């Protein structure tokens, strides 16, 4: 299964996203969508599951959730916008991660691309796809293509837009 992961678009969708995410089985948006029209444009590429972020208004929040827990191809995913980072989890999600750790935890917010295996919860894959929008301190727009199969993550490719 091929999953496109994107975050912090802030109302802007880079035209190359459609090319990179072509053939994806699903797109996950980790919040700060910025405009519900972004979700519509992503839906033209593949089915979308999204969480809202701190900049998202009622139009986006109506169509999304704060925390998404989903099982895909035998892999337990958890996604929220503000999640912190390994060793410094945001208090709003820390207890949930400890009580019921997913196989893959996805968040955005920091605009800092980071993918790593986490010691605690043991073996969890942490994915922050960075930021794909124009707003923020990031200098390079990024997103991630993740392949999962047989209950585990197999490959993560970083896309520089």
N, C-alpha and C. Protein backbone atom coordinates (compact mmCIF):
# COMPACT_ATOMS: atom_id res chain seq x y z
N UNK A 1 0.84 -1.17 0.00
CA UNK A 1 0.00 0.00 0.00
C UNK A 1 0.89 1.24 0.00
N UNK A 2 0.56 2.18 -0.84
CA UNK A 2 1.33 3.42 -0.96
C UNK A 2 0.51 4.57 -0.38
N UNK A 3 1.11 5.30 0.57
CA UNK A 3 0.42 6.39 1.26
C UNK A 3 1.20 7.69 1.08
N UNK A 4 0.51 8.73 0.61
CA UNK A 4 1.10 10.05 0.54
C UNK A 4 0.83 10.76 1.86
N UNK A 5 1.85 11.36 2.45
CA UNK A 5 1.69 12.06 3.73
C UNK A 5 2.13 13.51 3.54
N UNK A 6 1.26 14.43 3.92
CA UNK A 6 1.50 15.85 3.71
C UNK A 6 0.99 16.62 4.93
N UNK A 7 1.54 17.78 5.16
CA UNK A 7 1.11 18.60 6.29
C UNK A 7 1.39 20.07 6.01
N UNK A 8 0.73 20.91 6.76
CA UNK A 8 1.02 22.34 6.77
C UNK A 8 1.01 22.95 5.37
N UNK A 9 -0.06 22.69 4.64
CA UNK A 9 -0.21 23.30 3.32
C UNK A 9 -0.65 24.76 3.44
N UNK A 10 -1.33 25.10 4.51
CA UNK A 10 -1.74 26.49 4.77
C UNK A 10 -2.44 27.12 3.57
N UNK A 11 -3.30 26.34 2.90
CA UNK A 11 -4.08 26.86 1.78
C UNK A 11 -3.39 26.83 0.44
N UNK A 12 -2.20 26.25 0.37
CA UNK A 12 -1.45 26.18 -0.90
C UNK A 12 -1.11 24.72 -1.19
N UNK A 13 -1.43 24.27 -2.40
CA UNK A 13 -1.05 22.92 -2.81
C UNK A 13 -0.09 23.03 -3.98
N UNK A 14 1.13 22.64 -3.76
CA UNK A 14 2.17 22.68 -4.80
C UNK A 14 1.71 21.81 -5.97
N UNK A 15 1.85 22.31 -7.20
CA UNK A 15 1.37 21.54 -8.35
C UNK A 15 2.03 20.17 -8.52
N UNK A 16 3.23 19.98 -8.02
CA UNK A 16 3.92 18.69 -8.17
C UNK A 16 3.36 17.60 -7.27
N UNK A 17 2.57 17.98 -6.27
CA UNK A 17 2.01 16.97 -5.36
C UNK A 17 1.20 15.94 -6.14
N UNK A 18 0.43 16.37 -7.12
CA UNK A 18 -0.39 15.45 -7.90
C UNK A 18 0.48 14.41 -8.61
N UNK A 19 1.61 14.82 -9.11
CA UNK A 19 2.52 13.89 -9.79
C UNK A 19 3.13 12.90 -8.81
N UNK A 20 3.64 13.40 -7.70
CA UNK A 20 4.29 12.53 -6.73
C UNK A 20 3.31 11.57 -6.05
N UNK A 21 2.09 12.02 -5.80
CA UNK A 21 1.11 11.18 -5.12
C UNK A 21 0.26 10.35 -6.09
N UNK A 22 0.48 10.47 -7.38
CA UNK A 22 -0.26 9.67 -8.36
C UNK A 22 -0.01 8.19 -8.07
N UNK A 23 -1.06 7.42 -8.03
CA UNK A 23 -0.94 6.00 -7.74
C UNK A 23 -1.00 5.67 -6.26
N UNK A 24 -1.08 6.68 -5.40
CA UNK A 24 -1.21 6.43 -3.96
C UNK A 24 -2.57 5.80 -3.68
N UNK A 25 -2.59 4.92 -2.70
CA UNK A 25 -3.86 4.31 -2.28
C UNK A 25 -4.63 5.24 -1.36
N UNK A 26 -3.90 6.14 -0.70
CA UNK A 26 -4.51 7.03 0.28
C UNK A 26 -3.56 8.21 0.50
N UNK A 27 -4.13 9.36 0.85
CA UNK A 27 -3.35 10.53 1.25
C UNK A 27 -3.74 10.89 2.67
N UNK A 28 -2.74 11.08 3.51
CA UNK A 28 -2.96 11.52 4.89
C UNK A 28 -2.47 12.96 5.01
N UNK A 29 -3.34 13.84 5.48
CA UNK A 29 -2.96 15.24 5.70
C UNK A 29 -2.93 15.48 7.20
N UNK A 30 -1.74 15.85 7.72
CA UNK A 30 -1.53 16.00 9.15
C UNK A 30 -1.80 17.41 9.67
N UNK A 31 -2.77 18.08 9.10
CA UNK A 31 -3.27 19.33 9.66
C UNK A 31 -2.65 20.61 9.12
N UNK A 32 -3.27 21.73 9.52
CA UNK A 32 -3.02 23.04 8.96
C UNK A 32 -3.23 23.00 7.44
N UNK A 33 -4.40 22.48 7.09
CA UNK A 33 -4.83 22.40 5.69
C UNK A 33 -4.95 23.82 5.13
N UNK A 34 -5.62 24.68 5.89
CA UNK A 34 -5.74 26.08 5.51
C UNK A 34 -6.97 26.42 4.71
N UNK A 35 -7.46 25.52 3.91
CA UNK A 35 -8.64 25.77 3.08
C UNK A 35 -9.21 24.41 2.67
N UNK A 36 -10.51 24.23 2.83
CA UNK A 36 -11.13 22.94 2.50
C UNK A 36 -10.95 22.58 1.02
N UNK A 37 -10.71 23.55 0.16
CA UNK A 37 -10.48 23.28 -1.26
C UNK A 37 -9.23 22.41 -1.46
N UNK A 38 -8.28 22.49 -0.53
CA UNK A 38 -7.08 21.64 -0.61
C UNK A 38 -7.49 20.18 -0.47
N UNK A 39 -8.40 19.88 0.44
CA UNK A 39 -8.88 18.51 0.61
C UNK A 39 -9.56 18.03 -0.67
N UNK A 40 -10.35 18.90 -1.30
CA UNK A 40 -11.02 18.55 -2.55
C UNK A 40 -10.00 18.21 -3.65
N UNK A 41 -8.96 19.02 -3.75
CA UNK A 41 -7.93 18.79 -4.77
C UNK A 41 -7.16 17.51 -4.50
N UNK A 42 -6.87 17.21 -3.23
CA UNK A 42 -6.20 15.96 -2.90
C UNK A 42 -7.09 14.76 -3.20
N UNK A 43 -8.40 14.91 -2.96
CA UNK A 43 -9.36 13.82 -3.24
C UNK A 43 -9.38 13.44 -4.72
N UNK A 44 -9.01 14.37 -5.59
CA UNK A 44 -8.93 14.08 -7.02
C UNK A 44 -7.78 13.12 -7.32
N UNK A 45 -6.81 13.04 -6.41
CA UNK A 45 -5.64 12.18 -6.59
C UNK A 45 -5.88 10.80 -5.96
N UNK A 46 -6.38 10.80 -4.72
CA UNK A 46 -6.61 9.55 -3.97
C UNK A 46 -7.52 9.87 -2.79
N UNK A 47 -8.11 8.85 -2.17
CA UNK A 47 -8.91 9.09 -0.96
C UNK A 47 -8.07 9.78 0.11
N UNK A 48 -8.69 10.72 0.84
CA UNK A 48 -7.97 11.53 1.83
C UNK A 48 -8.53 11.30 3.22
N UNK A 49 -7.62 11.21 4.17
CA UNK A 49 -7.95 11.21 5.60
C UNK A 49 -7.13 12.34 6.19
N UNK A 50 -7.77 13.20 6.98
CA UNK A 50 -7.06 14.38 7.47
C UNK A 50 -7.46 14.70 8.90
N UNK A 51 -6.54 15.40 9.58
CA UNK A 51 -6.82 15.96 10.90
C UNK A 51 -6.73 17.48 10.77
N UNK A 52 -7.41 18.18 11.66
CA UNK A 52 -7.33 19.63 11.62
C UNK A 52 -6.14 20.12 12.45
N UNK A 53 -5.66 21.28 12.06
CA UNK A 53 -4.55 21.90 12.77
C UNK A 53 -4.98 23.21 13.39
N UNK A 54 -4.06 23.86 14.06
CA UNK A 54 -4.38 25.08 14.80
C UNK A 54 -4.80 26.24 13.93
N UNK A 55 -4.48 26.25 12.63
CA UNK A 55 -4.91 27.36 11.76
C UNK A 55 -6.22 27.04 11.04
N UNK A 56 -6.72 25.83 11.17
CA UNK A 56 -7.90 25.42 10.40
C UNK A 56 -9.19 25.92 11.02
N UNK A 57 -10.02 26.50 10.17
CA UNK A 57 -11.31 27.02 10.60
C UNK A 57 -12.42 25.99 10.44
N UNK A 58 -13.66 26.43 10.59
CA UNK A 58 -14.81 25.52 10.57
C UNK A 58 -14.95 24.69 9.30
N UNK A 59 -14.61 25.25 8.15
CA UNK A 59 -14.74 24.51 6.89
C UNK A 59 -13.89 23.25 6.86
N UNK A 60 -12.69 23.33 7.40
CA UNK A 60 -11.80 22.16 7.46
C UNK A 60 -12.18 21.28 8.64
N UNK A 61 -12.43 21.88 9.79
CA UNK A 61 -12.74 21.10 10.99
C UNK A 61 -14.00 20.26 10.85
N UNK A 62 -14.96 20.75 10.06
CA UNK A 62 -16.20 20.02 9.82
C UNK A 62 -15.91 18.70 9.10
N UNK A 63 -14.88 18.68 8.27
CA UNK A 63 -14.57 17.51 7.44
C UNK A 63 -13.47 16.62 8.01
N UNK A 64 -12.88 17.01 9.12
CA UNK A 64 -11.74 16.28 9.66
C UNK A 64 -11.96 16.00 11.15
N UNK A 65 -10.93 15.47 11.78
CA UNK A 65 -10.98 15.17 13.20
C UNK A 65 -9.68 15.65 13.85
N UNK A 66 -9.64 15.72 15.17
CA UNK A 66 -8.42 16.16 15.84
C UNK A 66 -7.38 15.05 15.88
N UNK A 67 -7.83 13.83 16.14
CA UNK A 67 -6.93 12.67 16.19
C UNK A 67 -7.56 11.57 15.33
N UNK A 68 -6.76 10.99 14.47
CA UNK A 68 -7.22 9.89 13.63
C UNK A 68 -6.47 8.63 14.03
N UNK A 69 -7.23 7.58 14.31
CA UNK A 69 -6.65 6.25 14.52
C UNK A 69 -7.25 5.35 13.47
N UNK A 70 -6.40 4.66 12.75
CA UNK A 70 -6.84 3.87 11.61
C UNK A 70 -5.92 2.67 11.46
N UNK A 71 -6.46 1.59 10.96
CA UNK A 71 -5.65 0.43 10.63
C UNK A 71 -5.64 0.29 9.12
N UNK A 72 -4.44 0.27 8.54
CA UNK A 72 -4.29 0.14 7.09
C UNK A 72 -3.31 -0.97 6.79
N UNK A 73 -3.74 -1.93 6.02
CA UNK A 73 -2.88 -3.03 5.61
C UNK A 73 -2.15 -3.66 6.80
N UNK A 74 -2.87 -3.79 7.91
CA UNK A 74 -2.33 -4.42 9.10
C UNK A 74 -1.47 -3.51 9.97
N UNK A 75 -1.37 -2.23 9.61
CA UNK A 75 -0.56 -1.27 10.35
C UNK A 75 -1.47 -0.31 11.10
N UNK A 76 -1.21 -0.15 12.40
CA UNK A 76 -2.00 0.77 13.22
C UNK A 76 -1.37 2.17 13.15
N UNK A 77 -2.16 3.12 12.62
CA UNK A 77 -1.71 4.49 12.47
C UNK A 77 -2.40 5.39 13.48
N UNK A 78 -1.69 6.40 13.93
CA UNK A 78 -2.29 7.47 14.72
C UNK A 78 -1.75 8.77 14.13
N UNK A 79 -2.66 9.73 13.90
CA UNK A 79 -2.24 11.01 13.33
C UNK A 79 -2.96 12.14 14.04
N UNK A 80 -2.20 13.18 14.36
CA UNK A 80 -2.73 14.42 14.90
C UNK A 80 -1.84 15.54 14.41
N UNK A 81 -2.26 16.78 14.57
CA UNK A 81 -1.43 17.87 14.06
C UNK A 81 -0.27 18.19 15.01
N UNK A 82 -0.59 18.49 16.24
CA UNK A 82 0.45 18.86 17.21
C UNK A 82 0.76 17.63 18.06
N UNK A 83 1.88 16.99 17.76
CA UNK A 83 2.24 15.76 18.46
C UNK A 83 3.56 15.85 19.20
N UNK A 84 4.32 16.88 18.93
CA UNK A 84 5.65 16.95 19.52
C UNK A 84 6.62 16.11 18.72
N UNK A 85 7.62 15.59 19.42
CA UNK A 85 8.61 14.75 18.77
C UNK A 85 9.08 13.71 19.78
N UNK A 86 9.76 12.68 19.31
CA UNK A 86 10.22 11.64 20.24
C UNK A 86 11.00 12.23 21.41
N UNK A 87 10.61 11.81 22.60
CA UNK A 87 11.23 12.31 23.82
C UNK A 87 10.61 13.60 24.33
N UNK A 88 9.85 14.26 23.49
CA UNK A 88 9.17 15.51 23.89
C UNK A 88 7.77 15.55 23.27
N UNK A 89 6.97 14.54 23.62
CA UNK A 89 5.60 14.45 23.10
C UNK A 89 4.77 15.59 23.65
N UNK A 90 3.84 16.07 22.85
CA UNK A 90 2.90 17.06 23.32
C UNK A 90 2.02 16.41 24.40
N UNK A 91 1.78 17.11 25.52
CA UNK A 91 0.98 16.52 26.61
C UNK A 91 -0.40 16.04 26.17
N UNK A 92 -0.98 16.66 25.15
CA UNK A 92 -2.32 16.27 24.70
C UNK A 92 -2.35 14.88 24.08
N UNK A 93 -1.22 14.35 23.61
CA UNK A 93 -1.20 13.04 22.96
C UNK A 93 -0.31 12.03 23.69
N UNK A 94 0.53 12.48 24.59
CA UNK A 94 1.52 11.61 25.24
C UNK A 94 0.90 10.40 25.92
N UNK A 95 -0.15 10.61 26.72
CA UNK A 95 -0.77 9.50 27.43
C UNK A 95 -1.40 8.49 26.48
N UNK A 96 -2.02 8.98 25.41
CA UNK A 96 -2.64 8.08 24.43
C UNK A 96 -1.59 7.24 23.71
N UNK A 97 -0.44 7.84 23.41
CA UNK A 97 0.63 7.08 22.76
C UNK A 97 1.18 6.01 23.69
N UNK A 98 1.31 6.33 24.97
CA UNK A 98 1.83 5.37 25.94
C UNK A 98 0.83 4.25 26.20
N UNK A 99 -0.46 4.58 26.29
CA UNK A 99 -1.49 3.59 26.61
C UNK A 99 -1.79 2.65 25.44
N UNK A 100 -1.76 3.19 24.23
CA UNK A 100 -2.10 2.40 23.05
C UNK A 100 -1.19 2.83 21.90
N UNK A 101 0.08 2.42 21.94
CA UNK A 101 1.02 2.89 20.92
C UNK A 101 0.69 2.35 19.53
N UNK A 102 0.66 3.23 18.55
CA UNK A 102 0.44 2.77 17.18
C UNK A 102 1.75 2.24 16.59
N UNK A 103 1.66 1.64 15.43
CA UNK A 103 2.87 1.23 14.72
C UNK A 103 3.54 2.45 14.09
N UNK A 104 2.69 3.40 13.64
CA UNK A 104 3.19 4.62 13.00
C UNK A 104 2.45 5.80 13.60
N UNK A 105 3.19 6.81 14.02
CA UNK A 105 2.62 8.05 14.53
C UNK A 105 3.00 9.19 13.59
N UNK A 106 1.99 9.91 13.12
CA UNK A 106 2.18 10.98 12.16
C UNK A 106 1.69 12.29 12.75
N UNK A 107 2.49 13.33 12.62
CA UNK A 107 2.06 14.66 13.04
C UNK A 107 2.73 15.70 12.16
N UNK A 108 2.31 16.94 12.31
CA UNK A 108 2.89 18.05 11.56
C UNK A 108 3.28 19.14 12.53
N UNK A 109 2.86 20.35 12.23
CA UNK A 109 2.97 21.55 13.06
C UNK A 109 4.35 22.18 13.11
N UNK A 110 5.40 21.43 13.30
CA UNK A 110 6.73 22.02 13.50
C UNK A 110 7.36 22.52 12.19
N UNK A 111 6.86 22.04 11.06
CA UNK A 111 7.43 22.32 9.73
C UNK A 111 8.82 21.69 9.59
N UNK A 112 9.16 20.77 10.47
CA UNK A 112 10.48 20.13 10.44
C UNK A 112 10.31 18.67 10.02
N UNK A 113 10.85 18.34 8.87
CA UNK A 113 10.82 16.97 8.37
C UNK A 113 11.60 16.06 9.31
N UNK A 114 10.97 14.97 9.71
CA UNK A 114 11.65 14.04 10.61
C UNK A 114 10.97 12.67 10.51
N UNK A 115 11.77 11.65 10.27
CA UNK A 115 11.29 10.27 10.22
C UNK A 115 12.27 9.44 11.03
N UNK A 116 11.77 8.74 12.04
CA UNK A 116 12.68 7.93 12.86
C UNK A 116 11.93 6.84 13.62
N UNK A 117 12.66 5.78 13.93
CA UNK A 117 12.14 4.74 14.83
C UNK A 117 12.30 5.25 16.25
N UNK A 118 11.30 4.99 17.06
CA UNK A 118 11.26 5.51 18.42
C UNK A 118 11.49 4.38 19.41
N UNK A 119 12.29 4.65 20.42
CA UNK A 119 12.54 3.64 21.47
C UNK A 119 11.32 3.44 22.34
N UNK A 120 10.65 4.53 22.68
CA UNK A 120 9.47 4.42 23.54
C UNK A 120 8.36 5.29 22.97
N UNK A 121 7.23 4.75 22.63
CA UNK A 121 6.88 3.32 22.60
C UNK A 121 7.75 2.55 21.61
N UNK A 122 8.18 1.40 22.04
CA UNK A 122 9.17 0.59 21.33
C UNK A 122 8.79 0.32 19.88
N UNK A 123 9.70 0.68 18.99
CA UNK A 123 9.56 0.32 17.58
C UNK A 123 8.60 1.18 16.77
N UNK A 124 7.92 2.13 17.40
CA UNK A 124 6.99 2.98 16.68
C UNK A 124 7.75 3.82 15.65
N UNK A 125 7.18 3.99 14.46
CA UNK A 125 7.77 4.86 13.46
C UNK A 125 7.14 6.24 13.59
N UNK A 126 7.97 7.25 13.76
CA UNK A 126 7.54 8.64 13.87
C UNK A 126 7.73 9.31 12.51
N UNK A 127 6.67 9.94 12.01
CA UNK A 127 6.75 10.63 10.72
C UNK A 127 6.18 12.03 10.85
N UNK A 128 7.02 13.02 10.58
CA UNK A 128 6.57 14.39 10.40
C UNK A 128 7.02 14.76 8.99
N UNK A 129 6.06 14.96 8.07
CA UNK A 129 6.43 15.18 6.67
C UNK A 129 6.99 16.58 6.38
N UNK A 130 7.18 17.38 7.41
CA UNK A 130 7.63 18.75 7.17
C UNK A 130 6.44 19.59 6.73
N UNK A 131 6.69 20.62 5.96
CA UNK A 131 5.63 21.51 5.52
C UNK A 131 5.63 21.62 4.00
N UNK A 132 4.43 21.58 3.42
CA UNK A 132 4.31 21.66 1.96
C UNK A 132 3.79 23.01 1.49
N UNK A 133 3.45 23.89 2.42
CA UNK A 133 2.90 25.18 2.05
C UNK A 133 3.94 26.27 1.93
N UNK A 134 3.47 27.47 1.69
CA UNK A 134 4.36 28.63 1.51
C UNK A 134 4.66 29.33 2.83
N UNK A 135 3.81 29.18 3.84
CA UNK A 135 3.98 29.92 5.08
C UNK A 135 4.80 29.14 6.09
N UNK A 136 5.66 29.84 6.82
CA UNK A 136 6.46 29.21 7.87
C UNK A 136 7.95 29.42 7.64
N UNK A 137 8.72 28.92 8.57
CA UNK A 137 10.17 29.12 8.53
C UNK A 137 10.89 28.13 7.62
N UNK A 138 10.22 27.07 7.19
CA UNK A 138 10.87 26.07 6.36
C UNK A 138 11.36 26.68 5.04
N UNK A 139 12.48 26.18 4.55
CA UNK A 139 13.04 26.68 3.30
C UNK A 139 12.74 25.75 2.14
N UNK A 140 12.46 24.49 2.45
CA UNK A 140 12.15 23.51 1.42
C UNK A 140 10.79 22.90 1.73
N UNK A 141 9.92 22.85 0.73
CA UNK A 141 8.61 22.22 0.89
C UNK A 141 8.80 20.71 0.73
N UNK A 142 8.26 19.95 1.69
CA UNK A 142 8.43 18.50 1.65
C UNK A 142 7.12 17.76 1.93
N UNK A 143 7.07 16.52 1.50
CA UNK A 143 6.03 15.57 1.85
C UNK A 143 6.68 14.19 1.80
N UNK A 144 5.94 13.15 2.12
CA UNK A 144 6.52 11.81 2.24
C UNK A 144 5.63 10.80 1.53
N UNK A 145 6.26 9.85 0.86
CA UNK A 145 5.58 8.69 0.32
C UNK A 145 5.99 7.49 1.16
N UNK A 146 5.01 6.85 1.77
CA UNK A 146 5.26 5.73 2.67
C UNK A 146 4.65 4.46 2.08
N UNK A 147 5.44 3.40 2.05
CA UNK A 147 4.92 2.11 1.60
C UNK A 147 4.80 1.19 2.81
N UNK A 148 3.63 0.58 2.95
CA UNK A 148 3.42 -0.39 4.01
C UNK A 148 2.96 -1.71 3.37
N UNK A 149 3.35 -2.79 4.01
CA UNK A 149 2.95 -4.12 3.54
C UNK A 149 3.11 -5.11 4.68
N UNK A 150 2.24 -6.08 4.70
CA UNK A 150 2.33 -7.17 5.68
C UNK A 150 2.50 -6.68 7.11
N UNK A 151 1.78 -5.61 7.45
CA UNK A 151 1.77 -5.14 8.83
C UNK A 151 2.93 -4.28 9.26
N UNK A 152 3.73 -3.77 8.31
CA UNK A 152 4.82 -2.88 8.71
C UNK A 152 5.19 -1.89 7.61
N UNK A 153 5.85 -0.84 8.02
CA UNK A 153 6.35 0.15 7.07
C UNK A 153 7.54 -0.46 6.34
N UNK A 154 7.56 -0.34 5.04
CA UNK A 154 8.64 -0.93 4.24
C UNK A 154 9.61 0.12 3.70
N UNK A 155 9.09 1.30 3.36
CA UNK A 155 9.93 2.31 2.71
C UNK A 155 9.29 3.68 2.89
N UNK A 156 10.12 4.67 3.17
CA UNK A 156 9.65 6.06 3.26
C UNK A 156 10.55 6.90 2.37
N UNK A 157 9.95 7.54 1.40
CA UNK A 157 10.68 8.43 0.50
C UNK A 157 10.29 9.87 0.78
N UNK A 158 11.28 10.72 0.97
CA UNK A 158 11.05 12.14 1.17
C UNK A 158 10.97 12.80 -0.21
N UNK A 159 9.94 13.62 -0.39
CA UNK A 159 9.75 14.35 -1.64
C UNK A 159 10.05 15.82 -1.37
N UNK A 160 11.00 16.38 -2.11
CA UNK A 160 11.30 17.81 -2.04
C UNK A 160 10.55 18.47 -3.18
N UNK A 161 9.61 19.32 -2.83
CA UNK A 161 8.77 19.96 -3.85
C UNK A 161 9.44 21.20 -4.42
